[in-house]
Amino acid sequence: MDTLMRKLVVLVAVLELLLALLRLIDLLK
């Protein structure tokens, strides 16, 4: 269970980072 929770947290963090990068790219365009 602990490993699954950690994987979920990491996935959420990665998704948030990707969204932030996409927003930055849109602003730079």
C-alpha atoms as a PDB file:
ATOM      1  CA  MET A   1       0.000   0.000   0.000  1.00  0.00           C
ATOM      2  CA  ASP A   2       2.806   2.416   0.884  1.00  0.00           C
ATOM      3  CA  THR A   3       4.518   1.873  -2.469  1.00  0.00           C
ATOM      4  CA  LEU A   4       1.226   2.413  -4.315  1.00  0.00           C
ATOM      5  CA  MET A   5       0.589   5.660  -2.436  1.00  0.00           C
ATOM      6  CA  ARG A   6       4.124   6.856  -3.205  1.00  0.00           C
ATOM      7  CA  LYS A   7       3.652   6.036  -6.897  1.00  0.00           C
ATOM      8  CA  LEU A   8       0.367   7.963  -6.923  1.00  0.00           C
ATOM      9  CA  VAL A   9       1.989  10.990  -5.280  1.00  0.00           C
ATOM     10  CA  VAL A  10       4.863  10.891  -7.795  1.00  0.00           C
ATOM     11  CA  LEU A  11       2.417  10.605 -10.708  1.00  0.00           C
ATOM     12  CA  VAL A  12       0.420  13.602  -9.471  1.00  0.00           C
ATOM     13  CA  ALA A  13       3.611  15.646  -9.026  1.00  0.00           C
ATOM     14  CA  VAL A  14       4.774  14.781 -12.557  1.00  0.00           C
ATOM     15  CA  LEU A  15       1.379  15.694 -14.017  1.00  0.00           C
ATOM     16  CA  GLU A  16       1.415  19.050 -12.209  1.00  0.00           C
ATOM     17  CA  LEU A  17       4.935  19.750 -13.528  1.00  0.00           C
ATOM     18  CA  LEU A  18       3.850  18.887 -17.079  1.00  0.00           C
ATOM     19  CA  LEU A  19       0.832  21.193 -16.805  1.00  0.00           C
ATOM     20  CA  ALA A  20       3.041  24.017 -15.512  1.00  0.00           C
ATOM     21  CA  LEU A  21       5.472  23.486 -18.416  1.00  0.00           C
ATOM     22  CA  LEU A  22       2.621  23.552 -20.944  1.00  0.00           C
ATOM     23  CA  ARG A  23       1.326  26.818 -19.452  1.00  0.00           C
ATOM     24  CA  LEU A  24       4.821  28.350 -19.624  1.00  0.00           C
ATOM     25  CA  ILE A  25       5.202  27.279 -23.270  1.00  0.00           C
ATOM     26  CA  ASP A  26       1.809  28.793 -24.116  1.00  0.00           C
ATOM     27  CA  LEU A  27       2.848  32.063 -22.446  1.00  0.00           C
ATOM     28  CA  LEU A  28       6.151  32.138 -24.360  1.00  0.00           C
ATOM     29  CA  LYS A  29       4.429  31.661 -27.726  1.00  0.00           C
END
